Amino acid sequence: MSDYSHSVEERVDAPKEGIPLSDYTVVRNDIPLKKQWSERKCTMSSCYNKYFDRMINFKSKEDDLWIVTMPKCGTTWMQETAWLVQSDFDFDKAKSIPLTERSPFVELEGLYEGMPPTFDAAENLQSPRLLKSHLPASLLPKELWQNRSKIIYVARNVKDAVVSFQPFLEALATFKGTKEQFIQAFMNDDLYYCPFWPHILEFWEMRHEKNVYFTSYERMKKDLKGVLKDLCEFVGKPIPSEEILNQAVDHLSFDSMKKSSAGKAMQAVIDGIKDLNNNNDSNFQFMRRGIVGSHKDELTADQIKSLDSWSEKFLNEAGVTSEEVFGL
């Protein structure tokens, strides 16, 4: 019997502005969670259906290292962090080769028409590969779970994620509206990769699996050196000297990342998508503020209360607090 099947349903109730969306549901039995996967939907662009099978059947390797997050939750930061660990802290190479080449965003090709061949880039990357995805556990490749490839998962508190996600999707021409409308769309799962909380909590439940390392944007901000040491142990690398760790922390600082090949490469990707969508807005910055608590001066008290109440339902059902998940 096949270990998965999938269905696609167009989102006719989604916001009319932006790219058409569909719900993707996968039923499978290879993920180490007791869960009714037939009830787990993920919102993606409708054009992703052409690439669905290619992702599910992507040839994963035992020495692959995957970075998985919801969008705008520290993905690029962790990619650069994990790449340094995986490459024995080769700072010169990190500065000279764009992050998009060192760590491809695997399913990007399926999100928008006219994207570069990211599946080919991922497949042809020299091992050990560092691969990025925003997909939930249910949509990741079969062989990733079969081979027990290592996964680094980064979570971020929902309110900071929301205020970073909106300008990002506006730049990509996949959302147009007010902040209040965006928050409602976010909570209604009308945006790419939503629902938000199931995405995080599925990996939280798997945090004790030997091939899963779960951390948060907040912990990286609080103790990046500690995260670097954890990652060395997770991927089987020796912990470097204090001098190298300090150099890594400096390399990975927000200001350094914004000016680095990593930051510039991701800005170039977004600019390319903007061009495809005839978006002439020149104000968008891929790396915005890089702080914890950015929502405090960007959301109203009512918006914060609404997101907190909405989040509480998911957290109570999972029997966990946001402090536990994000290390706040």
C-alpha atoms as a PDB file:
ATOM      1  CA  MET A   1       0.000   0.000   0.000  1.00  0.00           C
ATOM      2  CA  SER A   2       1.263   3.487  -0.814  1.00  0.00           C
ATOM      3  CA  ASP A   3       2.233   5.414   2.281  1.00  0.00           C
ATOM      4  CA  TYR A   4       0.575   8.613   1.088  1.00  0.00           C
ATOM      5  CA  SER A   5      -2.190  10.060  -1.039  1.00  0.00           C
ATOM      6  CA  HIS A   6      -3.107  13.673  -1.622  1.00  0.00           C
ATOM      7  CA  SER A   7      -5.934  15.946  -2.653  1.00  0.00           C
ATOM      8  CA  VAL A   8      -6.115  19.561  -3.810  1.00  0.00           C
ATOM      9  CA  GLU A   9      -9.062  21.900  -3.308  1.00  0.00           C
ATOM     10  CA  GLU A  10      -9.149  25.425  -4.724  1.00  0.00           C
ATOM     11  CA  ARG A  11      -9.676  28.163  -2.125  1.00  0.00           C
ATOM     12  CA  VAL A  12     -12.719  29.938  -3.545  1.00  0.00           C
ATOM     13  CA  ASP A  13     -13.231  31.770  -0.231  1.00  0.00           C
ATOM     14  CA  ALA A  14      -9.693  33.188  -0.084  1.00  0.00           C
ATOM     15  CA  PRO A  15      -9.003  36.917  -0.600  1.00  0.00           C
ATOM     16  CA  LYS A  16      -9.545  37.915  -4.219  1.00  0.00           C
ATOM     17  CA  GLU A  17      -6.352  39.969  -4.388  1.00  0.00           C
ATOM     18  CA  GLY A  18      -3.185  38.091  -5.220  1.00  0.00           C
ATOM     19  CA  ILE A  19      -2.298  34.680  -6.587  1.00  0.00           C
ATOM     20  CA  PRO A  20      -4.958  31.881  -6.603  1.00  0.00           C
ATOM     21  CA  LEU A  21      -4.674  29.546  -3.605  1.00  0.00           C
ATOM     22  CA  SER A  22      -5.483  25.896  -2.987  1.00  0.00           C
ATOM     23  CA  ASP A  23      -5.670  23.610   0.043  1.00  0.00           C
ATOM     24  CA  TYR A  24      -3.334  20.611  -0.072  1.00  0.00           C
ATOM     25  CA  THR A  25      -4.085  17.571   2.065  1.00  0.00           C
ATOM     26  CA  VAL A  26      -1.810  14.544   2.326  1.00  0.00           C
ATOM     27  CA  VAL A  27      -2.692  11.259   3.999  1.00  0.00           C
ATOM     28  CA  ARG A  28       0.432   9.333   4.978  1.00  0.00           C
ATOM     29  CA  ASN A  29       1.733   6.924   7.604  1.00  0.00           C
ATOM     30  CA  ASP A  30       5.465   7.585   7.652  1.00  0.00           C
ATOM     31  CA  ILE A  31       5.647  10.608   9.993  1.00  0.00           C
ATOM     32  CA  PRO A  32       6.438   9.818  13.662  1.00  0.00           C
ATOM     33  CA  LEU A  33       3.259  11.446  14.998  1.00  0.00           C
ATOM     34  CA  LYS A  34      -0.108   9.966  15.862  1.00  0.00           C
ATOM     35  CA  LYS A  35      -2.274  12.310  13.853  1.00  0.00           C
ATOM     36  CA  GLN A  36      -5.248  12.307  11.526  1.00  0.00           C
ATOM     37  CA  TRP A  37      -3.373  13.634   8.511  1.00  0.00           C
ATOM     38  CA  SER A  38      -6.561  13.675   6.423  1.00  0.00           C
ATOM     39  CA  GLU A  39      -7.601  16.700   8.516  1.00  0.00           C
ATOM     40  CA  ARG A  40      -4.315  18.573   8.011  1.00  0.00           C
ATOM     41  CA  LYS A  41      -4.594  21.126   5.207  1.00  0.00           C
ATOM     42  CA  CYS A  42      -1.925  23.487   3.959  1.00  0.00           C
ATOM     43  CA  THR A  43      -2.613  26.590   1.887  1.00  0.00           C
ATOM     44  CA  MET A  44      -0.361  27.008  -1.133  1.00  0.00           C
ATOM     45  CA  SER A  45      -0.505  28.642  -4.548  1.00  0.00           C
ATOM     46  CA  SER A  46      -2.674  26.734  -6.991  1.00  0.00           C
ATOM     47  CA  CYS A  47       0.242  26.369  -9.400  1.00  0.00           C
ATOM     48  CA  TYR A  48       2.079  24.270  -6.786  1.00  0.00           C
ATOM     49  CA  ASN A  49      -0.047  21.280  -7.828  1.00  0.00           C
ATOM     50  CA  LYS A  50       2.205  20.837 -10.868  1.00  0.00           C
ATOM     51  CA  TYR A  51       5.169  20.297  -8.535  1.00  0.00           C
ATOM     52  CA  PHE A  52       3.500  18.412  -5.700  1.00  0.00           C
ATOM     53  CA  ASP A  53       4.615  14.942  -6.783  1.00  0.00           C
ATOM     54  CA  ARG A  54       8.124  16.153  -7.458  1.00  0.00           C
ATOM     55  CA  MET A  55       8.452  17.356  -3.860  1.00  0.00           C
ATOM     56  CA  ILE A  56       6.881  14.289  -2.271  1.00  0.00           C
ATOM     57  CA  ASN A  57       9.143  12.055  -4.385  1.00  0.00           C
ATOM     58  CA  PHE A  58      12.244  14.229  -3.962  1.00  0.00           C
ATOM     59  CA  LYS A  59      15.306  11.995  -3.513  1.00  0.00           C
ATOM     60  CA  SER A  60      16.474  12.725  -0.009  1.00  0.00           C
ATOM     61  CA  LYS A  61      19.825  11.497   1.316  1.00  0.00           C
ATOM     62  CA  GLU A  62      20.793  10.353   4.779  1.00  0.00           C
ATOM     63  CA  ASP A  63      23.317  13.172   5.133  1.00  0.00           C
ATOM     64  CA  ASP A  64      20.905  15.895   4.005  1.00  0.00           C
ATOM     65  CA  LEU A  65      20.248  18.688   6.469  1.00  0.00           C
ATOM     66  CA  TRP A  66      16.882  20.441   6.096  1.00  0.00           C
ATOM     67  CA  ILE A  67      15.943  23.866   7.461  1.00  0.00           C
ATOM     68  CA  VAL A  68      12.166  23.991   7.956  1.00  0.00           C
ATOM     69  CA  THR A  69      10.201  27.003   9.206  1.00  0.00           C
ATOM     70  CA  MET A  70       7.108  29.048   8.589  1.00  0.00           C
ATOM     71  CA  PRO A  71       8.032  32.077   6.447  1.00  0.00           C
ATOM     72  CA  LYS A  72       9.653  35.048   8.219  1.00  0.00           C
ATOM     73  CA  CYS A  73      10.621  33.008  11.258  1.00  0.00           C
ATOM     74  CA  GLY A  74      14.404  33.183  10.994  1.00  0.00           C
ATOM     75  CA  THR A  75      14.872  30.897   8.009  1.00  0.00           C
ATOM     76  CA  THR A  76      17.706  32.750   6.296  1.00  0.00           C
ATOM     77  CA  TRP A  77      19.436  33.335   9.618  1.00  0.00           C
ATOM     78  CA  MET A  78      19.347  29.634  10.440  1.00  0.00           C
ATOM     79  CA  GLN A  79      20.416  28.668   6.909  1.00  0.00           C
ATOM     80  CA  GLU A  80      23.577  30.723   7.277  1.00  0.00           C
ATOM     81  CA  THR A  81      24.090  29.453  10.829  1.00  0.00           C
ATOM     82  CA  ALA A  82      23.673  25.809   9.882  1.00  0.00           C
ATOM     83  CA  TRP A  83      25.809  26.204   6.758  1.00  0.00           C
ATOM     84  CA  LEU A  84      28.693  27.559   8.844  1.00  0.00           C
ATOM     85  CA  VAL A  85      28.462  24.570  11.171  1.00  0.00           C
ATOM     86  CA  GLN A  86      28.153  22.088   8.318  1.00  0.00           C
ATOM     87  CA  SER A  87      31.126  23.637   6.440  1.00  0.00           C
ATOM     88  CA  ASP A  88      33.449  23.829   9.446  1.00  0.00           C
ATOM     89  CA  PHE A  89      33.040  27.607   9.683  1.00  0.00           C
ATOM     90  CA  ASP A  90      34.381  28.464   6.236  1.00  0.00           C
ATOM     91  CA  PHE A  91      33.728  32.206   6.484  1.00  0.00           C
ATOM     92  CA  ASP A  92      35.491  33.037   3.225  1.00  0.00           C
ATOM     93  CA  LYS A  93      33.270  30.687   1.236  1.00  0.00           C
ATOM     94  CA  ALA A  94      30.187  31.994   3.031  1.00  0.00           C
ATOM     95  CA  LYS A  95      31.080  35.526   1.936  1.00  0.00           C
ATOM     96  CA  SER A  96      31.850  34.631  -1.666  1.00  0.00           C
ATOM     97  CA  ILE A  97      29.004  32.277  -2.650  1.00  0.00           C
ATOM     98  CA  PRO A  98      25.330  33.380  -2.431  1.00  0.00           C
ATOM     99  CA  LEU A  99      23.279  31.528   0.154  1.00  0.00           C
ATOM    100  CA  THR A 100      20.709  30.628  -2.491  1.00  0.00           C
ATOM    101  CA  GLU A 101      23.418  28.511  -4.174  1.00  0.00           C
ATOM    102  CA  ARG A 102      24.728  27.015  -0.942  1.00  0.00           C
ATOM    103  CA  SER A 103      21.250  26.220   0.364  1.00  0.00           C
ATOM    104  CA  PRO A 104      18.432  26.125  -2.237  1.00  0.00           C
ATOM    105  CA  PHE A 105      14.807  26.891  -1.356  1.00  0.00           C
ATOM    106  CA  VAL A 106      13.527  23.611  -2.763  1.00  0.00           C
ATOM    107  CA  GLU A 107       9.850  24.289  -3.553  1.00  0.00           C
ATOM    108  CA  LEU A 108      10.232  27.943  -4.628  1.00  0.00           C
ATOM    109  CA  GLU A 109       9.835  26.870  -8.252  1.00  0.00           C
ATOM    110  CA  GLY A 110       6.299  25.751  -7.481  1.00  0.00           C
ATOM    111  CA  LEU A 111       5.090  28.920  -5.778  1.00  0.00           C
ATOM    112  CA  TYR A 112       5.170  31.319  -8.727  1.00  0.00           C
ATOM    113  CA  GLU A 113       5.202  30.956 -12.481  1.00  0.00           C
ATOM    114  CA  GLY A 114       8.581  31.838 -13.984  1.00  0.00           C
ATOM    115  CA  MET A 115      10.778  30.928 -11.034  1.00  0.00           C
ATOM    116  CA  PRO A 116      14.282  29.445 -11.534  1.00  0.00           C
ATOM    117  CA  PRO A 117      14.623  25.618 -11.464  1.00  0.00           C
ATOM    118  CA  THR A 118      15.079  25.240  -7.706  1.00  0.00           C
ATOM    119  CA  PHE A 119      14.321  21.517  -7.691  1.00  0.00           C
ATOM    120  CA  ASP A 120      17.203  20.927 -10.100  1.00  0.00           C
ATOM    121  CA  ALA A 121      19.451  23.149  -7.964  1.00  0.00           C
ATOM    122  CA  ALA A 122      18.602  21.118  -4.860  1.00  0.00           C
ATOM    123  CA  GLU A 123      18.989  17.765  -6.597  1.00  0.00           C
ATOM    124  CA  ASN A 124      22.356  18.713  -8.091  1.00  0.00           C
ATOM    125  CA  LEU A 125      23.817  20.241  -4.932  1.00  0.00           C
ATOM    126  CA  GLN A 126      26.931  18.475  -3.727  1.00  0.00           C
ATOM    127  CA  SER A 127      26.535  16.405  -0.561  1.00  0.00           C
ATOM    128  CA  PRO A 128      26.159  17.010   2.276  1.00  0.00           C
ATOM    129  CA  ARG A 129      23.268  19.197   1.164  1.00  0.00           C
ATOM    130  CA  LEU A 130      21.659  21.992   3.165  1.00  0.00           C
ATOM    131  CA  LEU A 131      18.087  22.414   1.931  1.00  0.00           C
ATOM    132  CA  LYS A 132      15.366  24.904   2.834  1.00  0.00           C
ATOM    133  CA  SER A 133      11.613  24.427   2.905  1.00  0.00           C
ATOM    134  CA  HIS A 134       8.603  26.144   4.435  1.00  0.00           C
ATOM    135  CA  LEU A 135       6.382  23.097   3.962  1.00  0.00           C
ATOM    136  CA  PRO A 136       4.683  21.407   6.913  1.00  0.00           C
ATOM    137  CA  ALA A 137       5.682  17.888   7.924  1.00  0.00           C
ATOM    138  CA  SER A 138       2.902  16.342   5.844  1.00  0.00           C
ATOM    139  CA  LEU A 139       4.128  17.817   2.538  1.00  0.00           C
ATOM    140  CA  LEU A 140       7.832  17.078   2.942  1.00  0.00           C
ATOM    141  CA  PRO A 141       9.468  14.278   0.892  1.00  0.00           C
ATOM    142  CA  LYS A 142       8.774  10.630   1.694  1.00  0.00           C
ATOM    143  CA  GLU A 143      12.475   9.768   1.728  1.00  0.00           C
ATOM    144  CA  LEU A 144      13.234  12.501   4.242  1.00  0.00           C
ATOM    145  CA  TRP A 145      11.198  10.561   6.790  1.00  0.00           C
ATOM    146  CA  GLN A 146      12.353   7.146   5.566  1.00  0.00           C
ATOM    147  CA  ASN A 147      16.044   8.089   5.667  1.00  0.00           C
ATOM    148  CA  ARG A 148      15.628  10.038   8.899  1.00  0.00           C
ATOM    149  CA  SER A 149      17.476  12.982   7.366  1.00  0.00           C
ATOM    150  CA  LYS A 150      18.228  15.678   9.934  1.00  0.00           C
ATOM    151  CA  ILE A 151      15.762  18.558  10.268  1.00  0.00           C
ATOM    152  CA  ILE A 152      16.363  21.894  11.977  1.00  0.00           C
ATOM    153  CA  TYR A 153      13.085  23.598  12.823  1.00  0.00           C
ATOM    154  CA  VAL A 154      12.883  27.279  13.812  1.00  0.00           C
ATOM    155  CA  ALA A 155       9.736  28.739  15.371  1.00  0.00           C
ATOM    156  CA  ARG A 156       8.930  32.393  16.017  1.00  0.00           C
ATOM    157  CA  ASN A 157       6.270  34.007  18.163  1.00  0.00           C
ATOM    158  CA  VAL A 158       3.146  34.605  16.148  1.00  0.00           C
ATOM    159  CA  LYS A 159       2.850  38.384  16.638  1.00  0.00           C
ATOM    160  CA  ASP A 160       6.366  39.161  15.395  1.00  0.00           C
ATOM    161  CA  ALA A 161       5.876  36.691  12.544  1.00  0.00           C
ATOM    162  CA  VAL A 162       2.663  38.432  11.474  1.00  0.00           C
ATOM    163  CA  VAL A 163       4.162  41.931  11.276  1.00  0.00           C
ATOM    164  CA  SER A 164       7.087  40.582   9.236  1.00  0.00           C
ATOM    165  CA  PHE A 165       4.931  38.367   7.005  1.00  0.00           C
ATOM    166  CA  GLN A 166       2.574  41.097   5.760  1.00  0.00           C
ATOM    167  CA  PRO A 167       5.091  43.373   3.979  1.00  0.00           C
ATOM    168  CA  PHE A 168       6.768  40.244   2.622  1.00  0.00           C
ATOM    169  CA  LEU A 169       3.576  38.964   0.958  1.00  0.00           C
ATOM    170  CA  GLU A 170       2.668  42.458  -0.206  1.00  0.00           C
ATOM    171  CA  ALA A 171       6.035  42.700  -1.951  1.00  0.00           C
ATOM    172  CA  LEU A 172       5.312  39.361  -3.625  1.00  0.00           C
ATOM    173  CA  ALA A 173       1.876  40.575  -4.759  1.00  0.00           C
ATOM    174  CA  THR A 174       0.172  37.711  -2.941  1.00  0.00           C
ATOM    175  CA  PHE A 175      -1.717  39.961  -0.519  1.00  0.00           C
ATOM    176  CA  LYS A 176      -3.184  43.446  -0.656  1.00  0.00           C
ATOM    177  CA  GLY A 177      -5.111  45.001   2.206  1.00  0.00           C
ATOM    178  CA  THR A 178      -4.999  46.518   5.672  1.00  0.00           C
ATOM    179  CA  LYS A 179      -3.194  45.092   8.680  1.00  0.00           C
ATOM    180  CA  GLU A 180      -6.533  44.072  10.165  1.00  0.00           C
ATOM    181  CA  GLN A 181      -7.432  42.234   6.962  1.00  0.00           C
ATOM    182  CA  PHE A 182      -4.050  40.543   6.952  1.00  0.00           C
ATOM    183  CA  ILE A 183      -4.451  39.308  10.522  1.00  0.00           C
ATOM    184  CA  GLN A 184      -7.868  37.879   9.663  1.00  0.00           C
ATOM    185  CA  ALA A 185      -6.451  36.205   6.548  1.00  0.00           C
ATOM    186  CA  PHE A 186      -3.614  34.795   8.663  1.00  0.00           C
ATOM    187  CA  MET A 187      -5.987  33.354  11.258  1.00  0.00           C
ATOM    188  CA  ASN A 188      -8.297  32.040   8.508  1.00  0.00           C
ATOM    189  CA  ASP A 189      -5.365  30.218   6.815  1.00  0.00           C
ATOM    190  CA  ASP A 190      -5.772  32.277   3.645  1.00  0.00           C
ATOM    191  CA  LEU A 191      -2.024  32.774   3.207  1.00  0.00           C
ATOM    192  CA  TYR A 192       0.881  30.679   1.948  1.00  0.00           C
ATOM    193  CA  TYR A 193       1.900  27.777   4.220  1.00  0.00           C
ATOM    194  CA  CYS A 194      -0.827  28.406   6.802  1.00  0.00           C
ATOM    195  CA  PRO A 195      -2.134  27.198   9.228  1.00  0.00           C
ATOM    196  CA  PHE A 196       0.596  28.643  11.430  1.00  0.00           C
ATOM    197  CA  TRP A 197       0.212  26.814  14.746  1.00  0.00           C
ATOM    198  CA  PRO A 198      -0.118  23.238  13.441  1.00  0.00           C
ATOM    199  CA  HIS A 199       3.047  23.824  11.392  1.00  0.00           C
ATOM    200  CA  ILE A 200       4.986  24.665  14.565  1.00  0.00           C
ATOM    201  CA  LEU A 201       3.338  22.281  16.997  1.00  0.00           C
ATOM    202  CA  GLU A 202       3.847  19.230  14.786  1.00  0.00           C
ATOM    203  CA  PHE A 203       7.600  19.750  14.979  1.00  0.00           C
ATOM    204  CA  TRP A 204       7.391  20.684  18.652  1.00  0.00           C
ATOM    205  CA  GLU A 205       5.865  17.243  19.253  1.00  0.00           C
ATOM    206  CA  MET A 206       8.769  15.677  17.336  1.00  0.00           C
ATOM    207  CA  ARG A 207      11.469  17.687  19.128  1.00  0.00           C
ATOM    208  CA  HIS A 208      12.769  14.592  20.920  1.00  0.00           C
ATOM    209  CA  GLU A 209      13.258  12.623  17.696  1.00  0.00           C
ATOM    210  CA  LYS A 210      16.972  12.050  17.077  1.00  0.00           C
ATOM    211  CA  ASN A 211      16.791  13.640  13.630  1.00  0.00           C
ATOM    212  CA  VAL A 212      14.901  16.790  14.714  1.00  0.00           C
ATOM    213  CA  TYR A 213      16.431  19.880  16.327  1.00  0.00           C
ATOM    214  CA  PHE A 214      13.798  22.379  17.442  1.00  0.00           C
ATOM    215  CA  THR A 215      14.687  25.941  18.362  1.00  0.00           C
ATOM    216  CA  SER A 216      13.251  29.425  18.083  1.00  0.00           C
ATOM    217  CA  TYR A 217      14.093  32.826  16.690  1.00  0.00           C
ATOM    218  CA  GLU A 218      13.890  34.110  20.239  1.00  0.00           C
ATOM    219  CA  ARG A 219      16.446  31.619  21.525  1.00  0.00           C
ATOM    220  CA  MET A 220      18.797  32.465  18.667  1.00  0.00           C
ATOM    221  CA  LYS A 221      18.554  36.128  19.659  1.00  0.00           C
ATOM    222  CA  LYS A 222      19.119  35.287  23.329  1.00  0.00           C
ATOM    223  CA  ASP A 223      21.893  32.689  23.035  1.00  0.00           C
ATOM    224  CA  LEU A 224      23.226  32.288  19.499  1.00  0.00           C
ATOM    225  CA  LYS A 225      26.469  30.807  20.756  1.00  0.00           C
ATOM    226  CA  GLY A 226      24.510  28.132  22.616  1.00  0.00           C
ATOM    227  CA  VAL A 227      22.539  27.326  19.463  1.00  0.00           C
ATOM    228  CA  LEU A 228      25.795  27.035  17.498  1.00  0.00           C
ATOM    229  CA  LYS A 229      27.124  24.529  20.041  1.00  0.00           C
ATOM    230  CA  ASP A 230      23.866  22.566  19.909  1.00  0.00           C
ATOM    231  CA  LEU A 231      24.021  22.418  16.127  1.00  0.00           C
ATOM    232  CA  CYS A 232      27.600  21.152  16.188  1.00  0.00           C
ATOM    233  CA  GLU A 233      26.487  18.265  18.379  1.00  0.00           C
ATOM    234  CA  PHE A 234      23.350  17.696  16.297  1.00  0.00           C
ATOM    235  CA  VAL A 235      25.244  17.308  13.008  1.00  0.00           C
ATOM    236  CA  GLY A 236      28.245  15.541  14.535  1.00  0.00           C
ATOM    237  CA  LYS A 237      30.785  18.345  14.270  1.00  0.00           C
ATOM    238  CA  PRO A 238      33.329  19.303  16.955  1.00  0.00           C
ATOM    239  CA  ILE A 239      32.563  22.490  18.868  1.00  0.00           C
ATOM    240  CA  PRO A 240      35.114  25.060  17.662  1.00  0.00           C
ATOM    241  CA  SER A 241      37.246  27.392  19.713  1.00  0.00           C
ATOM    242  CA  GLU A 242      35.780  30.373  21.508  1.00  0.00           C
ATOM    243  CA  GLU A 243      37.499  32.596  18.957  1.00  0.00           C
ATOM    244  CA  ILE A 244      35.704  30.878  16.056  1.00  0.00           C
ATOM    245  CA  LEU A 245      32.377  30.971  17.896  1.00  0.00           C
ATOM    246  CA  ASN A 246      32.783  34.700  18.487  1.00  0.00           C
ATOM    247  CA  GLN A 247      33.620  35.211  14.819  1.00  0.00           C
ATOM    248  CA  ALA A 248      30.490  33.249  13.888  1.00  0.00           C
ATOM    249  CA  VAL A 249      28.305  35.359  16.182  1.00  0.00           C
ATOM    250  CA  ASP A 250      29.674  38.500  14.542  1.00  0.00           C
ATOM    251  CA  HIS A 251      29.161  37.046  11.053  1.00  0.00           C
ATOM    252  CA  LEU A 252      25.570  36.181  11.968  1.00  0.00           C
ATOM    253  CA  SER A 253      24.632  39.524  13.540  1.00  0.00           C
ATOM    254  CA  PHE A 254      21.652  41.291  11.970  1.00  0.00           C
ATOM    255  CA  ASP A 255      23.740  44.117  10.520  1.00  0.00           C
ATOM    256  CA  SER A 256      26.297  41.703   9.082  1.00  0.00           C
ATOM    257  CA  MET A 257      23.608  39.423   7.638  1.00  0.00           C
ATOM    258  CA  LYS A 258      21.821  42.330   5.993  1.00  0.00           C
ATOM    259  CA  LYS A 259      25.023  43.332   4.166  1.00  0.00           C
ATOM    260  CA  SER A 260      26.192  39.770   3.488  1.00  0.00           C
ATOM    261  CA  SER A 261      25.856  37.557   0.424  1.00  0.00           C
ATOM    262  CA  ALA A 262      23.049  35.762   2.279  1.00  0.00           C
ATOM    263  CA  GLY A 263      20.962  38.877   2.777  1.00  0.00           C
ATOM    264  CA  LYS A 264      21.663  40.250  -0.679  1.00  0.00           C
ATOM    265  CA  ALA A 265      20.853  36.925  -2.343  1.00  0.00           C
ATOM    266  CA  MET A 266      17.435  36.718  -0.684  1.00  0.00           C
ATOM    267  CA  GLN A 267      16.681  40.361  -1.516  1.00  0.00           C
ATOM    268  CA  ALA A 268      17.535  39.543  -5.151  1.00  0.00           C
ATOM    269  CA  VAL A 269      15.109  36.603  -5.144  1.00  0.00           C
ATOM    270  CA  ILE A 270      12.301  38.815  -3.849  1.00  0.00           C
ATOM    271  CA  ASP A 271      13.141  41.554  -6.361  1.00  0.00           C
ATOM    272  CA  GLY A 272      12.912  38.966  -9.134  1.00  0.00           C
ATOM    273  CA  ILE A 273       9.459  37.863  -7.987  1.00  0.00           C
ATOM    274  CA  LYS A 274       8.368  41.504  -7.749  1.00  0.00           C
ATOM    275  CA  ASP A 275       9.439  42.033 -11.356  1.00  0.00           C
ATOM    276  CA  LEU A 276       7.379  39.018 -12.449  1.00  0.00           C
ATOM    277  CA  ASN A 277       4.349  40.523 -10.733  1.00  0.00           C
ATOM    278  CA  ASN A 278       4.988  44.084 -12.005  1.00  0.00           C
ATOM    279  CA  ASN A 279       5.420  45.312  -8.450  1.00  0.00           C
ATOM    280  CA  ASN A 280       7.327  48.604  -8.530  1.00  0.00           C
ATOM    281  CA  ASP A 281       7.411  49.181  -4.764  1.00  0.00           C
ATOM    282  CA  SER A 282      11.031  49.961  -3.926  1.00  0.00           C
ATOM    283  CA  ASN A 283      10.565  50.210  -0.150  1.00  0.00           C
ATOM    284  CA  PHE A 284      10.544  46.511   0.746  1.00  0.00           C
ATOM    285  CA  GLN A 285      13.527  45.172   2.675  1.00  0.00           C
ATOM    286  CA  PHE A 286      13.861  41.403   3.060  1.00  0.00           C
ATOM    287  CA  MET A 287      15.588  41.884   6.403  1.00  0.00           C
ATOM    288  CA  ARG A 288      13.497  44.448   8.272  1.00  0.00           C
ATOM    289  CA  ARG A 289      14.198  44.987  11.974  1.00  0.00           C
ATOM    290  CA  GLY A 290      15.559  41.729  13.374  1.00  0.00           C
ATOM    291  CA  ILE A 291      14.307  42.235  16.915  1.00  0.00           C
ATOM    292  CA  VAL A 292      12.137  40.303  19.342  1.00  0.00           C
ATOM    293  CA  GLY A 293       8.958  42.171  20.204  1.00  0.00           C
ATOM    294  CA  SER A 294       8.708  44.152  16.973  1.00  0.00           C
ATOM    295  CA  HIS A 295       4.925  43.734  17.086  1.00  0.00           C
ATOM    296  CA  LYS A 296       4.621  45.990  20.145  1.00  0.00           C
ATOM    297  CA  ASP A 297       4.794  49.184  18.108  1.00  0.00           C
ATOM    298  CA  GLU A 298       3.205  47.755  14.955  1.00  0.00           C
ATOM    299  CA  LEU A 299       0.000  46.146  16.276  1.00  0.00           C
ATOM    300  CA  THR A 300      -2.849  47.704  18.229  1.00  0.00           C
ATOM    301  CA  ALA A 301      -3.863  46.391  21.654  1.00  0.00           C
ATOM    302  CA  ASP A 302      -6.977  44.819  20.096  1.00  0.00           C
ATOM    303  CA  GLN A 303      -4.940  43.094  17.383  1.00  0.00           C
ATOM    304  CA  ILE A 304      -2.547  41.698  19.986  1.00  0.00           C
ATOM    305  CA  LYS A 305      -5.470  40.472  22.084  1.00  0.00           C
ATOM    306  CA  SER A 306      -7.073  38.850  19.047  1.00  0.00           C
ATOM    307  CA  LEU A 307      -3.893  36.975  18.125  1.00  0.00           C
ATOM    308  CA  ASP A 308      -3.319  35.920  21.744  1.00  0.00           C
ATOM    309  CA  SER A 309      -6.863  34.563  22.081  1.00  0.00           C
ATOM    310  CA  TRP A 310      -6.604  32.740  18.770  1.00  0.00           C
ATOM    311  CA  SER A 311      -3.240  31.245  19.732  1.00  0.00           C
ATOM    312  CA  GLU A 312      -4.456  30.127  23.140  1.00  0.00           C
ATOM    313  CA  LYS A 313      -6.824  27.599  21.580  1.00  0.00           C
ATOM    314  CA  PHE A 314      -3.992  25.798  19.810  1.00  0.00           C
ATOM    315  CA  LEU A 315      -1.648  25.962  22.787  1.00  0.00           C
ATOM    316  CA  ASN A 316      -4.251  24.658  25.231  1.00  0.00           C
ATOM    317  CA  GLU A 317      -5.101  21.772  22.928  1.00  0.00           C
ATOM    318  CA  ALA A 318      -1.389  20.882  22.696  1.00  0.00           C
ATOM    319  CA  GLY A 319      -0.908  21.294  26.451  1.00  0.00           C
ATOM    320  CA  VAL A 320       1.971  23.720  26.043  1.00  0.00           C
ATOM    321  CA  THR A 321       2.676  27.415  26.631  1.00  0.00           C
ATOM    322  CA  SER A 322       4.182  29.930  24.249  1.00  0.00           C
ATOM    323  CA  GLU A 323       6.995  30.407  26.772  1.00  0.00           C
ATOM    324  CA  GLU A 324       7.914  26.736  26.410  1.00  0.00           C
ATOM    325  CA  VAL A 325       7.770  26.744  22.614  1.00  0.00           C
ATOM    326  CA  PHE A 326       9.683  29.968  22.023  1.00  0.00           C
ATOM    327  CA  GLY A 327      11.845  30.070  25.130  1.00  0.00           C
ATOM    328  CA  LEU A 328      10.475  33.489  26.074  1.00  0.00           C
END
